[in-house]
C-alpha cells in the first residue's frame, strides 16, 4: 500500500475532527509546494492568497464569492497552522462529547461564515478601518475554532482543562479570556482576525442557544456536506428484483442469501450428473442448469 493509499485510508476511517485537521494540513502543504514551484521561475505566489482569502473590500469580494469558504482552511505560516490545529483538536474532542460529528463540521463552516461576515461588516462600517480596507485580507481557521470553543464552553462551562503552568481551568473561564482578548485586540494590527474571533464566538453561542430551543443552525450545512459526499461515493448496488414477487424488492442480505441457495442447488445438480448422468435429472433440474449456463456475465 502506497503512502497516498495510507493517507486516504486514514482520512476515510477517521472521524470528522481528524478530517478537518487533515484538510487544513493538506491545503497548507499543497499551497506551500505551489509557492515554492512558482518561485523557482521567479513568479511571486502571494497573489494566490488574495484569491483564496476574504477581502474586506466589497467590490473585490463580489468577484471572489468563494473566499468565505476557502479562507477558513488557509494559514499564513507553520506556527499559525500548528496553534490552530492544536486548539481545534483539544476543543473539538470536548465538543464531540456533547454533539455529533456532523454538527462539528457544520459549526466549523457556520462559525467561519459568521466570522467572515462580522469581519467584512466591521471593516466597512467603522471609520477606524477605512484606510486599510483596500488591502486587508482574512485567512485562518481561528474564527471557526472560536465557534467550537464557545459552543463547548457554553454546553459544559464547569468542565476543567489542565493548562501548562496554570493547572485546572474551567472552560467558561478559557472562553471568557479568549473573547475578552479578541475584543481588546480589535484596534490592533490584527484587528481583522480579532473581529473574526468575535464573530465565530457569537456563532458558537447562538448554536447552543438555538439547539436548546429545538433548532439546529448547522442542519443546512450537514445536508450540503451529505450531498457533496454522495457525489463522490460509488454507486451502491441496486436492490435485485424478487423473482417470487416482482413488486417487492429484495434487500442486499436477501439477495445474497438467494444467490448462495441457488449456487448450492446448481452444485447439487452437477454432482448428480457426475454420479448418475445427465439423463437422471428431472425436467426442473435441466431447466435450472440451462438457465445458469445461458446467464449473462
Protein backbone atom coordinates (compact mmCIF):
# COMPACT_ATOMS: atom_id res chain seq x y z
CA UNK A 1 0.00 0.00 0.00
CA UNK A 2 1.43 3.38 -1.04
CA UNK A 3 1.73 6.47 1.16
CA UNK A 4 -1.16 8.06 -0.71
CA UNK A 5 -3.30 4.97 -0.09
CA UNK A 6 -2.42 5.07 3.60
CA UNK A 7 -3.35 8.74 3.83
CA UNK A 8 -6.64 8.10 2.01
CA UNK A 9 -7.40 5.24 4.40
CA UNK A 10 -6.73 7.39 7.46
CA UNK A 11 -8.96 10.14 6.04
CA UNK A 12 -11.74 7.66 5.24
CA UNK A 13 -11.69 5.91 8.62
CA UNK A 14 -11.04 8.98 10.79
CA UNK A 15 -13.79 10.98 12.44
CA UNK A 16 -14.85 14.49 11.38
CA UNK A 17 -12.37 16.17 13.72
CA UNK A 18 -9.40 14.39 12.16
CA UNK A 19 -10.75 15.09 8.69
CA UNK A 20 -10.94 18.82 9.38
CA UNK A 21 -7.37 18.81 10.66
CA UNK A 22 -6.29 16.69 7.69
CA UNK A 23 -7.85 19.11 5.18
CA UNK A 24 -6.21 22.11 6.81
CA UNK A 25 -2.79 20.45 6.80
CA UNK A 26 -3.10 19.25 3.20
CA UNK A 27 -4.18 22.69 1.97
CA UNK A 28 -1.23 24.28 3.77
CA UNK A 29 1.30 21.80 2.35
CA UNK A 30 -0.08 21.96 -1.21
CA UNK A 31 -0.06 25.76 -1.24
CA UNK A 32 3.49 25.86 0.10
CA UNK A 33 4.60 23.44 -2.63
CA UNK A 34 2.93 25.58 -5.28
CA UNK A 35 4.56 28.74 -3.92
CA UNK A 36 7.99 27.09 -3.99
CA UNK A 37 7.43 25.88 -7.55
CA UNK A 38 6.37 29.35 -8.73
CA UNK A 39 9.34 30.97 -7.01
CA UNK A 40 11.71 28.72 -8.97
CA UNK A 41 10.50 30.58 -12.04
CA UNK A 42 10.78 33.95 -10.27
CA UNK A 43 6.99 34.20 -10.01
CA UNK A 44 5.81 35.62 -6.66
CA UNK A 45 2.98 33.41 -5.45
CA UNK A 46 1.45 35.76 -2.91
CA UNK A 47 -1.32 36.56 -5.39
CA UNK A 48 -2.82 33.11 -4.64
CA UNK A 49 -3.74 34.20 -1.14
CA UNK A 50 -5.64 37.18 -2.48
CA UNK A 51 -7.86 34.79 -4.45
CA UNK A 52 -8.48 32.44 -1.53
CA UNK A 53 -8.63 34.79 1.48
CA UNK A 54 -11.61 37.06 2.25
CA UNK A 55 -11.06 40.65 1.09
CA UNK A 56 -12.50 43.44 3.24
CA UNK A 57 -13.20 45.43 0.08
CA UNK A 58 -16.79 44.73 -1.01
CA UNK A 59 -16.08 45.26 -4.71
CA UNK A 60 -13.33 42.63 -4.57
CA UNK A 61 -15.48 40.26 -2.53
CA UNK A 62 -18.21 40.49 -5.16
CA UNK A 63 -15.90 38.77 -7.66
CA UNK A 64 -14.45 36.31 -5.12
CA UNK A 65 -17.61 34.89 -3.59
CA UNK A 66 -15.92 31.56 -2.83
CA UNK A 67 -13.47 33.12 -0.36
CA UNK A 68 -15.77 32.99 2.73
CA UNK A 69 -15.37 29.20 2.46
CA UNK A 70 -11.77 28.84 1.27
CA UNK A 71 -10.28 31.30 3.78
CA UNK A 72 -11.10 29.11 6.77
CA UNK A 73 -8.70 26.42 5.51
CA UNK A 74 -5.77 28.78 4.85
CA UNK A 75 -2.82 29.54 7.13
CA UNK A 76 -0.01 32.02 6.69
CA UNK A 77 2.77 30.06 8.37
CA UNK A 78 3.60 26.83 10.18
CA UNK A 79 3.05 28.14 13.71
CA UNK A 80 -0.25 29.73 12.66
CA UNK A 81 -1.35 26.29 11.44
CA UNK A 82 0.08 24.45 14.46
CA UNK A 83 -1.62 26.61 17.07
CA UNK A 84 -4.97 26.49 15.30
CA UNK A 85 -4.88 22.72 14.77
CA UNK A 86 -3.92 22.06 18.39
CA UNK A 87 -6.82 24.26 19.52
CA UNK A 88 -9.17 22.53 17.10
CA UNK A 89 -8.06 19.12 18.37
CA UNK A 90 -8.40 19.95 22.09
CA UNK A 91 -11.74 21.71 21.93
CA UNK A 92 -13.06 19.57 19.10
CA UNK A 93 -12.66 16.49 21.32
CA UNK A 94 -14.71 18.18 24.03
CA UNK A 95 -17.31 19.32 21.50
CA UNK A 96 -17.80 15.74 20.28
CA UNK A 97 -18.66 14.60 23.80
CA UNK A 98 -21.91 16.58 23.61
CA UNK A 99 -22.58 17.00 19.89
CA UNK A 100 -22.35 14.94 16.69
CA UNK A 101 -19.62 14.81 14.07
CA UNK A 102 -21.95 16.40 11.51
CA UNK A 103 -22.56 19.28 13.92
CA UNK A 104 -18.80 19.71 14.34
CA UNK A 105 -18.27 20.20 10.61
CA UNK A 106 -21.47 22.23 10.35
CA UNK A 107 -20.41 24.60 13.13
CA UNK A 108 -16.90 24.86 11.68
CA UNK A 109 -18.43 26.13 8.42
CA UNK A 110 -21.21 28.18 10.04
CA UNK A 111 -18.81 29.77 12.52
CA UNK A 112 -16.35 30.54 9.74
CA UNK A 113 -19.03 32.20 7.63
CA UNK A 114 -20.33 34.31 10.51
CA UNK A 115 -16.74 35.29 11.34
CA UNK A 116 -16.18 36.41 7.73
CA UNK A 117 -19.42 38.43 7.70
CA UNK A 118 -18.53 40.03 11.03
CA UNK A 119 -15.09 40.99 9.71
CA UNK A 120 -16.31 42.44 6.40
CA UNK A 121 -19.19 44.32 8.05
CA UNK A 122 -16.98 45.89 10.75
CA UNK A 123 -14.29 46.95 8.27
CA UNK A 124 -16.87 48.69 6.11
CA UNK A 125 -18.93 50.22 8.93
CA UNK A 126 -16.30 51.67 11.28
CA UNK A 127 -14.17 54.60 10.02
CA UNK A 128 -11.20 53.31 12.02
CA UNK A 129 -10.63 50.57 9.43
CA UNK A 130 -11.27 52.67 6.31
CA UNK A 131 -7.57 53.27 5.42
CA UNK A 132 -6.76 49.55 5.30
CA UNK A 133 -9.95 48.21 3.71
CA UNK A 134 -8.47 48.03 0.17
CA UNK A 135 -5.53 45.88 1.27
CA UNK A 136 -6.99 43.78 4.10
CA UNK A 137 -7.44 40.03 3.80
CA UNK A 138 -8.81 37.50 6.28
CA UNK A 139 -7.49 33.93 6.45
CA UNK A 140 -7.24 31.17 9.01
CA UNK A 141 -9.41 28.70 10.89
CA UNK A 142 -9.49 30.64 14.16
CA UNK A 143 -12.99 32.08 13.61
CA UNK A 144 -14.36 28.57 13.09
CA UNK A 145 -12.41 27.27 16.09
CA UNK A 146 -13.73 30.06 18.31
CA UNK A 147 -17.26 28.92 17.45
CA UNK A 148 -16.37 25.40 18.61
CA UNK A 149 -14.70 26.71 21.79
CA UNK A 150 -17.71 28.83 22.76
CA UNK A 151 -20.17 26.04 21.98
CA UNK A 152 -18.21 23.58 24.13
CA UNK A 153 -17.78 26.10 26.95
CA UNK A 154 -21.44 27.10 26.95
CA UNK A 155 -22.55 23.45 26.95
CA UNK A 156 -20.10 22.35 29.67
CA UNK A 157 -18.97 25.53 31.47
CA UNK A 158 -17.57 23.75 34.51
CA UNK A 159 -15.52 21.14 32.68
CA UNK A 160 -11.84 21.60 33.53
CA UNK A 161 -8.77 21.54 31.32
CA UNK A 162 -5.23 21.07 32.57
CA UNK A 163 -3.21 24.02 31.28
CA UNK A 164 0.55 24.32 31.48
CA UNK A 165 1.65 26.48 34.44
CA UNK A 166 -1.99 27.24 35.32
CA UNK A 167 -3.32 23.83 36.34
CA UNK A 168 -7.04 23.10 36.16
CA UNK A 169 -9.08 25.84 34.49
CA UNK A 170 -12.81 25.69 33.76
CA UNK A 171 -13.94 26.01 30.16
CA UNK A 172 -16.08 29.05 30.89
CA UNK A 173 -13.02 31.00 32.02
CA UNK A 174 -10.99 29.92 29.00
CA UNK A 175 -13.80 31.09 26.72
CA UNK A 176 -14.19 34.35 28.61
CA UNK A 177 -10.47 35.14 28.36
CA UNK A 178 -10.49 34.29 24.65
CA UNK A 179 -13.44 36.60 23.96
CA UNK A 180 -12.04 39.49 26.04
CA UNK A 181 -8.61 39.15 24.44
CA UNK A 182 -10.17 39.34 20.99
CA UNK A 183 -12.35 42.31 21.94
CA UNK A 184 -9.43 44.34 23.28
CA UNK A 185 -7.44 43.45 20.16
CA UNK A 186 -9.87 44.75 17.54
CA UNK A 187 -7.86 48.00 17.20
CA UNK A 188 -4.52 46.18 16.95
CA UNK A 189 -2.56 45.37 13.82
CA UNK A 190 -4.52 42.08 13.66
CA UNK A 191 -7.87 43.76 14.20
CA UNK A 192 -9.47 41.81 11.36
CA UNK A 193 -8.53 38.48 12.89
CA UNK A 194 -9.82 39.53 16.30
CA UNK A 195 -13.13 40.62 14.78
CA UNK A 196 -13.39 37.22 13.12
CA UNK A 197 -12.82 35.59 16.53
CA UNK A 198 -15.73 37.55 17.97
CA UNK A 199 -17.96 36.60 15.05
CA UNK A 200 -17.08 32.94 15.47
CA UNK A 201 -17.70 33.13 19.22
CA UNK A 202 -21.12 34.63 18.58
CA UNK A 203 -21.92 31.79 16.16
CA UNK A 204 -20.94 29.16 18.73
CA UNK A 205 -23.08 30.80 21.40
CA UNK A 206 -26.18 31.03 19.21
CA UNK A 207 -25.66 27.45 18.00
CA UNK A 208 -26.09 26.08 21.53
CA UNK A 209 -28.90 28.51 22.44
CA UNK A 210 -30.85 27.63 19.29
CA UNK A 211 -30.24 23.91 19.74
CA UNK A 212 -31.72 24.04 23.23
CA UNK A 213 -34.82 25.62 21.69
CA UNK A 214 -35.08 22.82 19.15
CA UNK A 215 -33.42 24.48 16.16
CA UNK A 216 -30.06 23.29 14.79
CA UNK A 217 -28.27 26.10 12.94
CA UNK A 218 -25.93 23.59 11.31
CA UNK A 219 -28.65 21.49 9.62
CA UNK A 220 -28.29 23.19 6.24
CA UNK A 221 -24.52 22.64 6.28
CA UNK A 222 -24.96 18.99 7.26
CA UNK A 223 -27.30 18.44 4.31
CA UNK A 224 -24.87 20.17 1.97
CA UNK A 225 -21.99 18.01 3.21
CA UNK A 226 -24.06 14.83 2.77
CA UNK A 227 -24.92 15.88 -0.79
CA UNK A 228 -21.28 16.53 -1.68
CA UNK A 229 -20.21 13.22 -0.12
CA UNK A 230 -22.87 11.42 -2.16
CA UNK A 231 -21.38 12.84 -5.39
CA UNK A 232 -18.03 11.22 -4.65
CA UNK A 233 -19.33 7.88 -3.38
CA UNK A 234 -19.51 4.91 -5.77
CA UNK A 235 -22.97 3.89 -6.82
CA UNK A 236 -24.39 1.32 -4.47
CA UNK A 237 -25.65 -1.98 -5.86
CA UNK A 238 -29.26 -1.72 -6.79
CA UNK A 239 -31.72 -3.93 -4.98
CA UNK A 240 -32.41 -7.04 -7.01
CA UNK A 241 -35.98 -7.90 -8.02
CA UNK A 242 -37.71 -10.64 -6.09
CA UNK A 243 -38.40 -13.41 -8.60
CA UNK A 244 -41.28 -14.66 -6.48
CA UNK A 245 -42.92 -11.27 -6.22
CA UNK A 246 -41.64 -8.73 -8.82
CA UNK A 247 -43.32 -5.85 -6.99
CA UNK A 248 -41.22 -6.42 -3.86
CA UNK A 249 -37.52 -5.52 -3.97
CA UNK A 250 -35.00 -7.73 -2.24
CA UNK A 251 -32.61 -6.28 0.28
CA UNK A 252 -28.88 -6.89 -0.20
CA UNK A 253 -28.93 -9.56 2.53
CA UNK A 254 -31.91 -11.33 0.99
CA UNK A 255 -30.34 -11.25 -2.47
CA UNK A 256 -27.03 -12.65 -1.19
CA UNK A 257 -28.84 -15.44 0.64
CA UNK A 258 -30.79 -16.21 -2.53
CA UNK A 259 -27.57 -16.42 -4.58
CA UNK A 260 -25.95 -18.79 -2.07
CA UNK A 261 -29.01 -21.05 -2.08
CA UNK A 262 -29.15 -21.04 -5.88
CA UNK A 263 -25.46 -21.91 -6.29
CA UNK A 264 -25.83 -24.75 -3.77
CA UNK A 265 -28.70 -26.10 -5.89
CA UNK A 266 -26.55 -25.95 -9.05
CA UNK A 267 -23.68 -27.73 -7.28
CA UNK A 268 -26.11 -30.47 -6.26
CA UNK A 269 -27.26 -30.88 -9.87
CA UNK A 270 -23.66 -31.11 -11.13
CA UNK A 271 -22.84 -33.74 -8.51
CA UNK A 272 -25.90 -35.72 -9.62
CA UNK A 273 -24.67 -35.62 -13.24
CA UNK A 274 -21.28 -36.99 -12.16
CA UNK A 275 -22.78 -39.92 -10.27
CA UNK A 276 -25.89 -40.79 -12.32
CA UNK A 277 -25.52 -38.98 -15.66
CA UNK A 278 -27.44 -36.16 -17.33
CA UNK A 279 -30.48 -38.30 -18.07
CA UNK A 280 -31.10 -38.77 -14.35
CA UNK A 281 -32.02 -35.08 -13.98
CA UNK A 282 -35.63 -34.05 -13.67
CA UNK A 283 -37.17 -31.55 -16.11
CA UNK A 284 -36.94 -28.79 -13.48
CA UNK A 285 -33.26 -29.55 -12.80
CA UNK A 286 -32.45 -29.48 -16.51
CA UNK A 287 -34.21 -26.12 -16.80
CA UNK A 288 -32.20 -24.63 -13.88
CA UNK A 289 -28.93 -25.90 -15.36
CA UNK A 290 -29.84 -24.46 -18.78
CA UNK A 291 -30.74 -21.06 -17.33
CA UNK A 292 -27.49 -20.96 -15.36
CA UNK A 293 -25.44 -21.83 -18.45
CA UNK A 294 -27.08 -19.08 -20.50
CA UNK A 295 -26.84 -16.40 -17.80
CA UNK A 296 -25.10 -13.25 -18.98
CA UNK A 297 -21.91 -12.46 -17.09
